[in-house]
C-alpha atoms as a PDB file:
ATOM      1  CA  MET A   1     180.519 -82.636 -16.140  1.00  0.00           C
ATOM      2  CA  PRO A   2     177.326 -84.424 -15.220  1.00  0.00           C
ATOM      3  CA  VAL A   3     175.623 -82.822 -12.329  1.00  0.00           C
ATOM      4  CA  ASP A   4     175.318 -86.055 -10.425  1.00  0.00           C
ATOM      5  CA  PHE A   5     179.192 -85.813  -9.694  1.00  0.00           C
ATOM      6  CA  PHE A   6     178.503 -82.779  -7.592  1.00  0.00           C
ATOM      7  CA  GLU A   7     175.399 -84.123  -5.843  1.00  0.00           C
ATOM      8  CA  ASN A   8     177.028 -87.420  -5.248  1.00  0.00           C
ATOM      9  CA  PRO A   9     180.871 -87.053  -5.465  1.00  0.00           C
ATOM     10  CA  GLU A  10     181.220 -90.540  -4.016  1.00  0.00           C
ATOM     11  CA  LYS A  11     179.926 -91.738  -7.515  1.00  0.00           C
ATOM     12  CA  LEU A  12     183.031 -90.052  -9.064  1.00  0.00           C
ATOM     13  CA  LEU A  13     185.220 -91.695  -6.483  1.00  0.00           C
ATOM     14  CA  ALA A  14     183.684 -95.272  -7.234  1.00  0.00           C
ATOM     15  CA  ASN A  15     184.135 -94.717 -10.961  1.00  0.00           C
ATOM     16  CA  ALA A  16     187.835 -93.832 -10.605  1.00  0.00           C
ATOM     17  CA  THR A  17     188.265 -96.801  -8.184  1.00  0.00           C
ATOM     18  CA  ASN A  18     186.524 -99.114 -10.742  1.00  0.00           C
ATOM     19  CA  PHE A  19     188.667 -97.810 -13.554  1.00  0.00           C
ATOM     20  CA  LEU A  20     191.783 -98.610 -11.464  1.00  0.00           C
ATOM     21  CA  ILE A  21     190.372-102.183 -10.699  1.00  0.00           C
ATOM     22  CA  GLN A  22     189.780-102.830 -14.355  1.00  0.00           C
ATOM     23  CA  GLY A  23     193.398-101.879 -14.955  1.00  0.00           C
ATOM     24  CA  GLN A  24     194.519-104.343 -12.269  1.00  0.00           C
ATOM     25  CA  GLU A  25     195.954-101.421 -10.167  1.00  0.00           C
ATOM     26  CA  PHE A  26     194.759-102.729  -6.860  1.00  0.00           C
ATOM     27  CA  ASP A  27     196.936-100.753  -4.621  1.00  0.00           C
ATOM     28  CA  GLU A  28     195.933 -97.486  -6.061  1.00  0.00           C
ATOM     29  CA  ALA A  29     192.162 -98.686  -5.910  1.00  0.00           C
ATOM     30  CA  SER A  30     192.743 -99.447  -2.288  1.00  0.00           C
ATOM     31  CA  ILE A  31     194.051 -95.954  -1.595  1.00  0.00           C
ATOM     32  CA  LEU A  32     190.894 -94.377  -3.141  1.00  0.00           C
ATOM     33  CA  LEU A  33     188.739 -96.786  -1.063  1.00  0.00           C
ATOM     34  CA  LEU A  34     190.211 -95.234   1.959  1.00  0.00           C
ATOM     35  CA  CYS A  35     189.595 -91.764   1.020  1.00  0.00           C
ATOM     36  CA  GLU A  36     186.775 -89.290   1.238  1.00  0.00           C
ATOM     37  CA  ILE A  37     186.161 -87.011  -1.618  1.00  0.00           C
ATOM     38  CA  ASN A  38     184.927 -83.421  -2.294  1.00  0.00           C
ATOM     39  CA  VAL A  39     184.323 -81.953  -5.725  1.00  0.00           C
ATOM     40  CA  SER A  40     184.276 -78.242  -6.293  1.00  0.00           C
ATOM     41  CA  LEU A  41     183.842 -76.108  -9.359  1.00  0.00           C
ATOM     42  CA  TRP A  42     184.627 -72.448  -9.795  1.00  0.00           C
ATOM     43  CA  ASN A  43     182.561 -70.819 -12.455  1.00  0.00           C
ATOM     44  CA  ASP A  44     183.349 -67.768 -14.714  1.00  0.00           C
ATOM     45  CA  VAL A  45     180.018 -66.070 -15.437  1.00  0.00           C
ATOM     46  CA  VAL A  46     181.003 -65.133 -18.959  1.00  0.00           C
ATOM     47  CA  ASN A  47     183.043 -68.197 -20.135  1.00  0.00           C
ATOM     48  CA  GLY A  48     181.409 -71.155 -18.070  1.00  0.00           C
ATOM     49  CA  PRO A  49     183.195 -73.502 -15.814  1.00  0.00           C
ATOM     50  CA  THR A  50     186.788 -72.725 -15.525  1.00  0.00           C
ATOM     51  CA  GLU A  51     188.348 -74.916 -12.579  1.00  0.00           C
ATOM     52  CA  LEU A  52     187.377 -78.310 -11.183  1.00  0.00           C
ATOM     53  CA  ALA A  53     189.117 -79.248  -7.899  1.00  0.00           C
ATOM     54  CA  ILE A  54     188.927 -82.742  -6.510  1.00  0.00           C
ATOM     55  CA  THR A  55     190.003 -83.125  -2.935  1.00  0.00           C
ATOM     56  CA  LEU A  56     190.838 -86.438  -1.363  1.00  0.00           C
ATOM     57  CA  THR A  57     191.128 -86.864   2.372  1.00  0.00           C
ATOM     58  CA  GLY A  58     192.626 -89.766   4.200  1.00  0.00           C
ATOM     59  CA  ASP A  59     194.883 -90.609   7.019  1.00  0.00           C
ATOM     60  CA  ARG A  60     198.730 -89.864   7.143  1.00  0.00           C
ATOM     61  CA  ALA A  61     199.863 -92.757   4.941  1.00  0.00           C
ATOM     62  CA  ILE A  62     197.300 -91.784   2.207  1.00  0.00           C
ATOM     63  CA  TYR A  63     198.317 -88.100   2.509  1.00  0.00           C
ATOM     64  CA  ASP A  64     202.083 -88.914   2.070  1.00  0.00           C
ATOM     65  CA  ILE A  65     201.293 -90.963  -1.086  1.00  0.00           C
ATOM     66  CA  ILE A  66     198.795 -88.487  -2.858  1.00  0.00           C
ATOM     67  CA  GLN A  67     200.890 -85.414  -2.025  1.00  0.00           C
ATOM     68  CA  ASP A  68     203.905 -86.765  -3.960  1.00  0.00           C
ATOM     69  CA  ARG A  69     203.198 -85.870  -7.472  1.00  0.00           C
ATOM     70  CA  GLN A  70     205.997 -87.981  -8.756  1.00  0.00           C
ATOM     71  CA  ASN A  71     204.767 -91.078  -7.008  1.00  0.00           C
ATOM     72  CA  LYS A  72     203.584 -93.766  -9.506  1.00  0.00           C
ATOM     73  CA  SER A  73     200.367 -94.292  -7.448  1.00  0.00           C
ATOM     74  CA  THR A  74     199.561 -90.611  -7.410  1.00  0.00           C
ATOM     75  CA  ILE A  75     200.043 -90.527 -11.202  1.00  0.00           C
ATOM     76  CA  LEU A  76     197.733 -93.582 -11.739  1.00  0.00           C
ATOM     77  CA  ILE A  77     195.071 -92.062  -9.395  1.00  0.00           C
ATOM     78  CA  HIS A  78     195.264 -88.780 -11.371  1.00  0.00           C
ATOM     79  CA  ASP A  79     194.905 -90.655 -14.650  1.00  0.00           C
ATOM     80  CA  ALA A  80     191.892 -92.525 -13.439  1.00  0.00           C
ATOM     81  CA  PHE A  81     190.003 -89.337 -12.540  1.00  0.00           C
ATOM     82  CA  ASP A  82     190.948 -87.877 -16.068  1.00  0.00           C
ATOM     83  CA  ALA A  83     189.681 -91.037 -17.528  1.00  0.00           C
ATOM     84  CA  VAL A  84     186.225 -90.999 -15.905  1.00  0.00           C
ATOM     85  CA  LEU A  85     185.549 -87.316 -16.185  1.00  0.00           C
ATOM     86  CA  PRO A  86     183.826 -86.218 -19.343  1.00  0.00           C
END
């Protein structure tokens, strides 16, 4: 993953939001606009990066949506991050 996502995680959030807007998934893009993002990477010294964690924080309504892994919006948001990550 490009280093700039770690130096500026808001860029990753903006890319995922833009991806959703391009797909006319406006409700999900609005959810991301109301979130703050943190990106963490755990490295394995021998094998390289092993785990990427994207943490979104927001108010209670946002929390209720993104914690429900079966929610259509949660799935679309997850897919948007998958699409914009290398």
